[in-house]
Structures are given as C-alpha cells and as structure tokens.
Amino acid sequence: MLLVPRQALKEAMEGEKHGYHHMPETRGLCLSEE
C-alpha cells in the first residue's frame, strides 16, 4: 500500500464514493492500482 496517512486515505475513499475522481489523492490511488 502507498505511504499515505490514514486520514488522507479515508478522505480519498470518501471522495471516490461521491465521484470526486479528479482529486489528487484519489487520482494517485487510481494510478497506483493500474
């Protein structure tokens, strides 16, 4: 897993639920999964 603070990871996950895929955090997570 990436070295991301739990709070940032939580916010990124919440953002994906709401469809905020253009947030830097979520975009980085998506890129790391591919």
PDB file of N, CA and C in Angstrom:
ATOM      1  N   MET A   1       0.846  -1.192   0.000  1.00  0.00           N
ATOM      2  CA  MET A   1       0.000   0.000   0.000  1.00  0.00           C
ATOM      3  C   MET A   1       0.883   1.244   0.000  1.00  0.00           C
ATOM      4  N   LEU A   2       0.332   2.316  -0.486  1.00  0.00           N
ATOM      5  CA  LEU A   2       1.096   3.564  -0.515  1.00  0.00           C
ATOM      6  C   LEU A   2       1.299   4.107   0.886  1.00  0.00           C
ATOM      7  N   LEU A   3       2.355   4.888   1.043  1.00  0.00           N
ATOM      8  CA  LEU A   3       2.616   5.513   2.342  1.00  0.00           C
ATOM      9  C   LEU A   3       1.770   6.778   2.467  1.00  0.00           C
ATOM     10  N   VAL A   4       0.488   6.571   2.673  1.00  0.00           N
ATOM     11  CA  VAL A   4      -0.454   7.688   2.775  1.00  0.00           C
ATOM     12  C   VAL A   4      -1.044   7.706   4.177  1.00  0.00           C
ATOM     13  N   PRO A   5      -1.090   8.866   4.807  1.00  0.00           N
ATOM     14  CA  PRO A   5      -1.708   8.973   6.133  1.00  0.00           C
ATOM     15  C   PRO A   5      -3.122   8.426   6.106  1.00  0.00           C
ATOM     16  N   ARG A   6      -3.516   7.770   7.206  1.00  0.00           N
ATOM     17  CA  ARG A   6      -4.848   7.160   7.247  1.00  0.00           C
ATOM     18  C   ARG A   6      -5.946   8.171   6.973  1.00  0.00           C
ATOM     19  N   GLN A   7      -5.790   9.388   7.484  1.00  0.00           N
ATOM     20  CA  GLN A   7      -6.806  10.422   7.267  1.00  0.00           C
ATOM     21  C   GLN A   7      -6.921  10.762   5.783  1.00  0.00           C
ATOM     22  N   ALA A   8      -5.783  10.903   5.121  1.00  0.00           N
ATOM     23  CA  ALA A   8      -5.797  11.217   3.695  1.00  0.00           C
ATOM     24  C   ALA A   8      -6.422  10.066   2.912  1.00  0.00           C
ATOM     25  N   LEU A   9      -6.094   8.839   3.295  1.00  0.00           N
ATOM     26  CA  LEU A   9      -6.654   7.675   2.624  1.00  0.00           C
ATOM     27  C   LEU A   9      -8.161   7.625   2.827  1.00  0.00           C
ATOM     28  N   LYS A  10      -8.595   7.891   4.052  1.00  0.00           N
ATOM     29  CA  LYS A  10     -10.029   7.904   4.353  1.00  0.00           C
ATOM     30  C   LYS A  10     -10.742   8.955   3.510  1.00  0.00           C
ATOM     31  N   GLU A  11     -10.148  10.146   3.414  1.00  0.00           N
ATOM     32  CA  GLU A  11     -10.753  11.223   2.629  1.00  0.00           C
ATOM     33  C   GLU A  11     -10.803  10.847   1.151  1.00  0.00           C
ATOM     34  N   ALA A  12      -9.766  10.186   0.674  1.00  0.00           N
ATOM     35  CA  ALA A  12      -9.736   9.764  -0.720  1.00  0.00           C
ATOM     36  C   ALA A  12     -10.832   8.741  -0.989  1.00  0.00           C
ATOM     37  N   MET A  13     -11.002   7.793  -0.066  1.00  0.00           N
ATOM     38  CA  MET A  13     -12.041   6.778  -0.224  1.00  0.00           C
ATOM     39  C   MET A  13     -13.420   7.419  -0.202  1.00  0.00           C
ATOM     40  N   GLU A  14     -13.633   8.355   0.702  1.00  0.00           N
ATOM     41  CA  GLU A  14     -14.910   9.068   0.768  1.00  0.00           C
ATOM     42  C   GLU A  14     -15.132   9.855  -0.520  1.00  0.00           C
ATOM     43  N   GLY A  15     -14.070  10.449  -1.043  1.00  0.00           N
ATOM     44  CA  GLY A  15     -14.177  11.221  -2.275  1.00  0.00           C
ATOM     45  C   GLY A  15     -14.609  10.342  -3.440  1.00  0.00           C
ATOM     46  N   GLU A  16     -14.056   9.115  -3.519  1.00  0.00           N
ATOM     47  CA  GLU A  16     -14.426   8.210  -4.596  1.00  0.00           C
ATOM     48  C   GLU A  16     -15.896   7.838  -4.495  1.00  0.00           C
ATOM     49  N   LYS A  17     -16.403   7.686  -3.278  1.00  0.00           N
ATOM     50  CA  LYS A  17     -17.817   7.354  -3.093  1.00  0.00           C
ATOM     51  C   LYS A  17     -18.705   8.430  -3.702  1.00  0.00           C
ATOM     52  N   HIS A  18     -18.248   9.668  -3.620  1.00  0.00           N
ATOM     53  CA  HIS A  18     -19.042  10.783  -4.127  1.00  0.00           C
ATOM     54  C   HIS A  18     -18.684  11.120  -5.571  1.00  0.00           C
ATOM     55  N   GLY A  19     -17.729  10.390  -6.128  1.00  0.00           N
ATOM     56  CA  GLY A  19     -17.387  10.591  -7.534  1.00  0.00           C
ATOM     57  C   GLY A  19     -16.361  11.674  -7.776  1.00  0.00           C
ATOM     58  N   TYR A  20     -15.596  12.047  -6.752  1.00  0.00           N
ATOM     59  CA  TYR A  20     -14.582  13.088  -6.933  1.00  0.00           C
ATOM     60  C   TYR A  20     -13.281  12.446  -7.408  1.00  0.00           C
ATOM     61  N   HIS A  21     -13.279  11.932  -8.635  1.00  0.00           N
ATOM     62  CA  HIS A  21     -12.118  11.196  -9.135  1.00  0.00           C
ATOM     63  C   HIS A  21     -10.985  12.115  -9.573  1.00  0.00           C
ATOM     64  N   HIS A  22     -11.236  13.415  -9.566  1.00  0.00           N
ATOM     65  CA  HIS A  22     -10.199  14.340 -10.031  1.00  0.00           C
ATOM     66  C   HIS A  22      -9.389  14.915  -8.876  1.00  0.00           C
ATOM     67  N   MET A  23      -9.684  14.451  -7.658  1.00  0.00           N
ATOM     68  CA  MET A  23      -8.892  14.895  -6.509  1.00  0.00           C
ATOM     69  C   MET A  23      -7.512  14.261  -6.596  1.00  0.00           C
ATOM     70  N   PRO A  24      -6.443  14.983  -6.281  1.00  0.00           N
ATOM     71  CA  PRO A  24      -5.075  14.444  -6.357  1.00  0.00           C
ATOM     72  C   PRO A  24      -4.932  13.129  -5.604  1.00  0.00           C
ATOM     73  N   GLU A  25      -5.545  13.008  -4.428  1.00  0.00           N
ATOM     74  CA  GLU A  25      -5.413  11.789  -3.627  1.00  0.00           C
ATOM     75  C   GLU A  25      -6.024  10.605  -4.355  1.00  0.00           C
ATOM     76  N   THR A  26      -7.259  10.767  -4.829  1.00  0.00           N
ATOM     77  CA  THR A  26      -7.936   9.652  -5.482  1.00  0.00           C
ATOM     78  C   THR A  26      -7.274   9.332  -6.811  1.00  0.00           C
ATOM     79  N   ARG A  27      -6.812  10.365  -7.515  1.00  0.00           N
ATOM     80  CA  ARG A  27      -6.157  10.154  -8.803  1.00  0.00           C
ATOM     81  C   ARG A  27      -4.879   9.345  -8.603  1.00  0.00           C
ATOM     82  N   GLY A  28      -4.130   9.649  -7.547  1.00  0.00           N
ATOM     83  CA  GLY A  28      -2.907   8.913  -7.255  1.00  0.00           C
ATOM     84  C   GLY A  28      -3.212   7.461  -6.913  1.00  0.00           C
ATOM     85  N   LEU A  29      -4.279   7.233  -6.150  1.00  0.00           N
ATOM     86  CA  LEU A  29      -4.655   5.878  -5.775  1.00  0.00           C
ATOM     87  C   LEU A  29      -5.061   5.087  -7.009  1.00  0.00           C
ATOM     88  N   CYS A  30      -5.822   5.712  -7.894  1.00  0.00           N
ATOM     89  CA  CYS A  30      -6.264   5.032  -9.108  1.00  0.00           C
ATOM     90  C   CYS A  30      -5.061   4.655  -9.976  1.00  0.00           C
ATOM     91  N   LEU A  31      -4.096   5.567 -10.078  1.00  0.00           N
ATOM     92  CA  LEU A  31      -2.915   5.296 -10.883  1.00  0.00           C
ATOM     93  C   LEU A  31      -2.100   4.159 -10.284  1.00  0.00           C
ATOM     94  N   SER A  32      -2.046   4.081  -8.956  1.00  0.00           N
ATOM     95  CA  SER A  32      -1.243   3.050  -8.310  1.00  0.00           C
ATOM     96  C   SER A  32      -1.884   1.678  -8.475  1.00  0.00           C
ATOM     97  N   GLU A  33      -3.212   1.632  -8.616  1.00  0.00           N
ATOM     98  CA  GLU A  33      -3.906   0.354  -8.747  1.00  0.00           C
ATOM     99  C   GLU A  33      -3.775  -0.212 -10.151  1.00  0.00           C
ATOM    100  N   GLU A  34      -3.546   0.663 -11.143  1.00  0.00           N
ATOM    101  CA  GLU A  34      -3.488   0.200 -12.527  1.00  0.00           C
ATOM    102  C   GLU A  34      -2.160  -0.371 -12.924  1.00  0.00           C
TER     103      GLU A  34
END
